[in-house]
Protein backbone atom coordinates (compact mmCIF):
# COMPACT_ATOMS: atom_id res chain seq x y z
CA MET A 1 0.00 0.00 0.00
CA PRO A 2 1.47 3.41 -0.98
CA ASP A 3 2.13 6.18 1.52
CA CYS A 4 -1.24 7.92 1.47
CA GLU A 5 0.00 10.81 3.61
CA ASN A 6 2.38 11.96 0.85
CA GLY A 7 0.25 10.73 -2.02
CA PRO A 8 -1.86 12.74 -4.44
CA LYS A 9 -5.16 14.07 -3.16
CA HIS A 10 -6.47 14.80 -6.66
CA VAL A 11 -5.83 12.32 -9.47
CA ALA A 12 -7.00 12.91 -13.04
CA ILE A 13 -7.11 10.04 -15.53
CA ILE A 14 -7.19 9.95 -19.32
CA MET A 15 -8.92 6.59 -19.73
CA ASP A 16 -7.45 5.41 -23.02
CA GLY A 17 -7.38 2.02 -24.72
CA ASN A 18 -10.95 0.73 -24.52
CA GLY A 19 -11.26 0.28 -28.27
CA ARG A 20 -7.90 -1.42 -28.69
CA TRP A 21 -8.62 -3.71 -25.75
CA ALA A 22 -11.85 -4.84 -27.42
CA GLN A 23 -10.27 -5.27 -30.84
CA MET A 24 -7.51 -7.43 -29.34
CA LYS A 25 -10.28 -9.73 -28.14
CA GLY A 26 -12.05 -9.71 -31.51
CA LYS A 27 -14.91 -7.60 -30.14
CA PRO A 28 -16.44 -4.30 -31.32
CA ARG A 29 -15.08 -1.10 -29.78
CA LEU A 30 -18.21 -0.53 -27.71
CA PHE A 31 -17.50 -3.80 -25.89
CA GLY A 32 -14.33 -2.15 -24.62
CA HIS A 33 -16.17 0.98 -23.54
CA HIS A 34 -18.58 -1.10 -21.46
CA ALA A 35 -15.63 -2.85 -19.83
CA GLY A 36 -14.04 0.52 -19.18
CA ALA A 37 -17.19 1.81 -17.47
CA LYS A 38 -17.07 -1.15 -15.07
CA ARG A 39 -13.44 -0.34 -14.31
CA VAL A 40 -14.43 3.20 -13.31
CA LYS A 41 -16.55 1.79 -10.48
CA GLU A 42 -13.62 -0.21 -9.10
CA ILE A 43 -11.24 2.75 -9.23
CA VAL A 44 -13.70 5.11 -7.53
CA ARG A 45 -14.15 2.58 -4.73
CA ALA A 46 -10.36 2.28 -4.35
CA CYS A 47 -9.84 6.01 -3.81
CA PRO A 48 -10.49 6.22 -0.03
CA ASP A 49 -7.99 3.45 0.77
CA LEU A 50 -5.39 5.16 -1.41
CA GLY A 51 -5.90 8.60 0.11
CA VAL A 52 -7.42 10.07 -3.05
CA LYS A 53 -10.15 12.62 -2.27
CA TYR A 54 -10.70 13.92 -5.81
CA LEU A 55 -10.84 11.82 -8.97
CA THR A 56 -11.38 13.39 -12.39
CA ILE A 57 -11.90 11.15 -15.42
CA PHE A 58 -11.90 12.03 -19.12
CA ALA A 59 -15.01 10.33 -20.50
CA PHE A 60 -15.65 12.11 -23.82
CA SER A 61 -13.72 14.95 -25.44
CA THR A 62 -14.86 17.73 -27.73
CA GLU A 63 -12.86 15.94 -30.44
CA ASN A 64 -14.56 12.57 -29.93
CA TRP A 65 -17.53 13.68 -32.06
CA LYS A 66 -15.26 12.85 -35.02
CA ARG A 67 -15.70 9.13 -34.32
CA THR A 68 -18.24 7.05 -36.18
CA GLN A 69 -21.91 7.75 -35.50
CA THR A 70 -22.28 4.19 -34.22
CA GLU A 71 -19.56 4.64 -31.62
CA VAL A 72 -20.75 8.11 -30.54
CA SER A 73 -24.36 6.95 -30.19
CA GLY A 74 -23.20 3.89 -28.27
CA LEU A 75 -21.14 6.03 -25.90
CA MET A 76 -24.03 8.40 -25.23
CA SER A 77 -26.26 5.42 -24.48
CA LEU A 78 -23.56 4.05 -22.16
CA PHE A 79 -23.36 7.36 -20.28
CA ARG A 80 -27.13 7.39 -19.76
CA ARG A 81 -27.08 3.77 -18.59
CA TYR A 82 -24.14 4.40 -16.26
CA ILE A 83 -25.80 7.35 -14.55
CA THR A 84 -29.11 5.53 -14.15
CA GLY A 85 -27.52 2.31 -12.94
CA GLU A 86 -24.96 3.77 -10.56
CA LEU A 87 -26.92 6.60 -8.93
CA LYS A 88 -28.02 4.66 -5.84
CA ASP A 89 -24.57 3.17 -5.18
CA LEU A 90 -22.85 6.52 -5.65
CA VAL A 91 -25.20 8.12 -3.14
CA LYS A 92 -24.80 5.26 -0.66
CA GLU A 93 -21.00 5.21 -0.93
CA GLY A 94 -20.64 8.94 -0.32
CA VAL A 95 -19.42 9.88 -3.80
CA ARG A 96 -20.12 13.42 -4.95
CA VAL A 97 -20.40 13.64 -8.72
CA ARG A 98 -19.79 16.69 -10.88
CA PHE A 99 -19.68 17.03 -14.65
CA ILE A 100 -17.42 19.43 -16.53
CA GLY A 101 -17.53 20.29 -20.21
CA ASP A 102 -19.82 22.03 -22.67
CA ARG A 103 -23.27 20.59 -21.96
CA PRO A 104 -25.49 22.23 -24.62
CA ARG A 105 -24.32 19.89 -27.39
CA LEU A 106 -25.46 16.85 -25.38
CA ASP A 107 -29.02 15.58 -25.69
CA ASP A 108 -31.66 16.83 -23.25
CA LYS A 109 -32.24 13.43 -21.63
CA LEU A 110 -28.56 13.01 -20.82
CA ILE A 111 -28.29 16.56 -19.47
CA LYS A 112 -31.30 15.91 -17.20
CA LEU A 113 -29.67 12.71 -15.88
CA MET A 114 -26.42 14.59 -15.25
CA ASP A 115 -28.26 17.33 -13.36
CA ASP A 116 -30.16 14.76 -11.29
CA LEU A 117 -26.98 12.88 -10.37
CA GLU A 118 -25.21 16.07 -9.32
CA CYS A 119 -28.20 17.05 -7.20
CA ALA A 120 -28.58 13.60 -5.60
CA THR A 121 -24.91 13.48 -4.54
CA GLN A 122 -24.33 17.13 -3.64
CA ASP A 123 -24.05 16.45 0.11
CA ASN A 124 -21.52 13.61 -0.26
CA ASP A 125 -17.88 14.08 0.65
CA THR A 126 -16.08 10.71 0.72
CA VAL A 127 -14.83 10.99 -2.88
CA HIS A 128 -15.37 13.84 -5.31
CA LEU A 129 -15.77 12.28 -8.77
CA THR A 130 -15.63 14.70 -11.67
CA ILE A 131 -16.59 13.39 -15.11
CA ALA A 132 -15.34 15.35 -18.12
CA LEU A 133 -18.04 14.93 -20.76
CA ASN A 134 -17.86 16.83 -24.05
CA TYR A 135 -14.82 18.47 -22.50
CA GLY A 136 -11.79 20.10 -24.07
CA GLY A 137 -9.19 22.19 -22.27
CA ARG A 138 -9.02 24.87 -24.95
CA ASP A 139 -12.80 24.99 -25.18
CA GLU A 140 -13.03 25.40 -21.40
CA VAL A 141 -10.57 28.31 -21.36
CA ALA A 142 -12.34 29.95 -24.33
CA ARG A 143 -15.71 29.69 -22.58
CA ALA A 144 -14.19 31.06 -19.37
CA VAL A 145 -12.61 34.02 -21.17
CA LYS A 146 -15.90 34.78 -22.92
CA GLU A 147 -17.75 34.85 -19.59
CA LEU A 148 -15.01 36.92 -17.97
CA ALA A 149 -15.07 39.42 -20.86
CA ARG A 150 -18.85 39.70 -20.52
CA ASP A 151 -18.50 40.58 -16.84
CA VAL A 152 -15.85 43.18 -17.65
CA ALA A 153 -18.17 44.72 -20.26
CA LEU A 154 -21.02 44.81 -17.73
CA GLY A 155 -18.82 46.45 -15.11
CA VAL A 156 -19.05 43.45 -12.78
CA LEU A 157 -15.29 42.92 -13.03
CA ASP A 158 -12.48 45.48 -13.32
CA ALA A 159 -10.18 44.53 -16.19
CA GLU A 160 -7.17 45.69 -14.19
CA THR A 161 -7.86 43.04 -11.55
CA VAL A 162 -7.83 40.14 -14.02
CA ASP A 163 -5.06 37.69 -13.15
CA GLU A 164 -4.59 33.92 -12.99
CA ASN A 165 -6.85 33.62 -9.97
CA ALA A 166 -9.58 35.63 -11.66
CA LEU A 167 -9.62 33.38 -14.72
CA THR A 168 -9.57 30.26 -12.55
CA ARG A 169 -12.87 31.37 -11.01
CA TYR A 170 -14.53 31.09 -14.44
CA LEU A 171 -13.31 27.58 -15.25
CA ASP A 172 -15.50 24.48 -15.04
CA THR A 173 -13.23 23.24 -12.25
CA ARG A 174 -13.36 26.39 -10.13
CA VAL A 175 -14.47 24.52 -6.99
CA LEU A 176 -11.79 21.83 -7.34
CA PRO A 177 -8.10 21.81 -6.43
CA ASP A 178 -5.66 21.35 -9.30
CA PRO A 179 -4.72 17.71 -9.97
CA ASP A 180 -1.56 16.50 -8.28
CA LEU A 181 -1.22 13.54 -10.64
CA VAL A 182 -2.46 12.93 -14.19
CA ILE A 183 -2.41 9.35 -15.45
CA ARG A 184 -2.80 8.32 -19.07
CA THR A 185 -3.30 4.68 -19.91
CA SER A 186 -2.63 2.70 -23.12
CA GLY A 187 0.94 3.77 -23.87
CA GLU A 188 0.18 7.12 -25.51
CA ALA A 189 2.32 10.02 -24.26
CA ARG A 190 0.19 13.09 -24.87
CA ILE A 191 -2.32 15.09 -22.83
CA SER A 192 -5.03 15.35 -25.51
CA ASN A 193 -6.45 18.73 -24.51
CA PHE A 194 -7.23 17.60 -20.95
CA LEU A 195 -7.11 20.06 -18.03
CA LEU A 196 -4.57 22.26 -19.80
CA TRP A 197 -4.78 25.13 -17.31
CA GLN A 198 -5.16 23.02 -14.18
CA SER A 199 -2.30 20.59 -14.83
CA ALA A 200 0.44 23.21 -15.18
CA TYR A 201 2.33 21.68 -12.24
CA SER A 202 0.82 18.20 -12.15
CA GLU A 203 2.98 15.09 -12.18
CA TYR A 204 2.32 12.78 -15.14
CA GLU A 205 2.27 8.99 -15.46
CA PHE A 206 2.09 7.53 -18.97
CA ILE A 207 1.58 3.78 -18.62
CA ASP A 208 1.13 0.97 -21.15
CA THR A 209 -1.85 -0.62 -19.39
CA LEU A 210 -5.11 -0.36 -21.35
CA TRP A 211 -7.91 1.20 -19.35
CA PRO A 212 -10.06 -1.96 -18.93
CA ASP A 213 -6.98 -3.62 -17.37
CA PHE A 214 -6.30 -0.70 -14.99
CA THR A 215 -6.82 -2.40 -11.64
CA LYS A 216 -6.64 -1.08 -8.09
CA ASP A 217 -3.10 -2.51 -7.88
CA VAL A 218 -1.97 -0.60 -10.98
CA PHE A 219 -3.56 2.52 -9.53
CA ALA A 220 -1.72 1.98 -6.25
CA ASP A 221 1.60 1.58 -8.11
CA CYS A 222 1.07 4.96 -9.84
CA ILE A 223 0.33 6.60 -6.51
CA GLY A 224 3.36 4.96 -4.93
CA ARG A 225 5.66 6.39 -7.61
CA PHE A 226 4.14 9.83 -7.07
CA GLY A 227 5.18 9.66 -3.42
CA VAL A 228 8.90 9.62 -4.25
CA ARG A 229 8.82 12.51 -6.71
CA ASP A 230 10.46 15.82 -5.77
CA ARG A 231 7.87 18.55 -6.48
CA ARG A 232 9.45 22.02 -6.41
CA PHE A 233 6.85 24.07 -8.34
CA GLY A 234 9.58 26.09 -10.04
CA GLY A 235 11.57 26.69 -6.88
CA VAL A 236 14.70 25.14 -5.41
CA LYS A 237 14.72 23.27 -2.12
CA THR A 238 17.49 24.24 0.26
């Protein structure tokens, strides 16, 4: 078991490799996405034992609309099924759920389910699960700047007071701490437009494990390696 005292309190995960995992087994890509959804449940449940208070997962990006209509429709159906099927357990296990991303492009039924899940879990505090759905880091910053500019134009905000902290208050993640650790599965070594602003000083783990094979033990190994890293945030320790 890793040293939870010195471990990351906020872990963000780019859950990659569902499609490849399925294809390796001769199954359609959606089979892998269903397996990946089941893995989410295990990892959320592992968080308290590993000292992780905040978990943010990348479920669907603003670029994922480029995938085939079959895959996109299947993913949207999976999201609706996940929310409906997991609501009671999430409430019972003390998980607070938030969604980040640009909601208007999503269908009304899914948005209603997202709103209901956020409302049903709003008093929970064991684990804070944030699901990035139709999310893109550049899109988030652009939306934040637009809202900030609107407030400046209305006189709500003085342009001279705009700084990093001011912009942070307009981001989707404004109530969350920045991630300490970002994990990407499947062997790809890129951040894919995920939490660009928030991860400025995050530690990264790029691992070969495909997301459906990402067990609690693999998670614990990532957290253990984080514990021995020297985080200086641009400074020098004396």
